[in-house]
Amino acid sequence: MHDAHQPHQDFPIDRQYDAALQSQLDRTLRGLVDNTMRVAPVTRGLADAVSRLLVGGKRLRSRLALWAWTGYRPHDDNHRLGAIATLGASLECFQAAALLHDDLIDRSATRRGLPTAHIEFESLHEAEARVGSAQQFGMAGALLAGDLALIAAQQLVSSLFDETESGTAASLYRVAALWHEMATEVTAGQFLDLTAQSLPNWGVNPEADQELAFSIITAKSARYSVELPLVMGAALAGADTVEQERIAAFGRPLGEAFQLRDDLLGVFGDPVVTGKPSGDDIREGKRTLLMAMTAQRADCADRDRLIAILGRLDVSDADVRWVCSLVRDLDAHTSVEELIADRYDAAMSALSQCRLTDQARTRLVELAEALVKRDT
């Protein structure tokens, strides 16, 4: 792989799209504020929680959709960015919803170095000396904020049918079907992840544990983070079924590599860079492929200790350090790095089969590198 941090070639459409996407997100957020304020001023806190997650971020999903769309779109049509910006904004709002719910499910205290929504709502409850459980209020507030972001995402993708430049009816129905497929898979994938963390016999059959972990990667992350944004962008551009399948074959292994990198960062990531505490996945009891590989290689005593740590709510700093050392000693992280490289190579091979413009191919290679060779 090339250096993912090297300066990429600057295409005019990047700047045009950034402006169009930001304009659409600004309109969406103003709508959320207006609609919540119409109910009662205090409910604006829900819109503000969504807004905080839509500021900054890498916006990789919307950019993947853009470059798949651009790659299958006639050259003289690339200035018509309204539809793809709307789709991109929908993907960003969906991502905000997923993060709000994910942080709640995982009991994460920070996101991008700042308190998560449920912690913010809990702190508000305490600061104003409200009655009842501050923790319950915080959890419920974050859940509702996530629902609000999901509603916004749904409204945006539905609005594609109102834009005259969006595309043919067939392409719009295809995008809508893919969007609902994505939403369903992420929801089911979250529950699968939650179920995996609660299974009493984890560690007994490491091969089955690894298979389950990879199923979670596919359902919860790989498809919605990479594959489906690419296919939606291609479908919106009018790409035929064969090309949609080809771009999907590029996106699936790339999405798997993306999540595997995330799993490594969840254990070894620098908290200053990731915005999360070191070893956060260990504290949350994440039974990732990395942990399953570690359990498979450990002796009985170390495996039992690993299983016990991942099953506890009160994981200490010493526990985190021990798990990190075990992973390194057993070289499980190297195996995951090798799998990332394998998935990346598979993605690049599939990309070579796609009938894209040279400009789009160049940018998708750069985005692929940014997805798998990152520290945040």
Foldseek 3Di string as FASTA:
>chain_A
DDPLPDDADDDPLVVLLVVLLVVLLVVLLVVLQVVQVVVPNVSSLLSVLLVVQLPDDPLLLLVLLLLLLQFLADPVPSNPCNQSSLLSNLLSLLVSLLVLVVCLLLVFQWALQHGHQLVVQLVVCVVVVHDDHSNVRSSVSSNVSSVSSNVSSVVSLVCLVVDPPQADPVLSVVLVVLVVVLVVLQVVLVVLQVVLLPDPPPLVDLVVLLVSQLSSLQRNWQCSPFLSSSLNSNSSSPHDPVLSVLSSQLRRLLRSLLVLLVVVCCAAFDCVVRSGDHNSCLLSLGSHSLVSLLSVQDDPVVNVLSSVSSNDNDRDPVNSVVVSVSSVVSVSNVVSVVSSVVSNVSSLVSLVVRSTDPVSSSVVNSSSCPSNPDRD
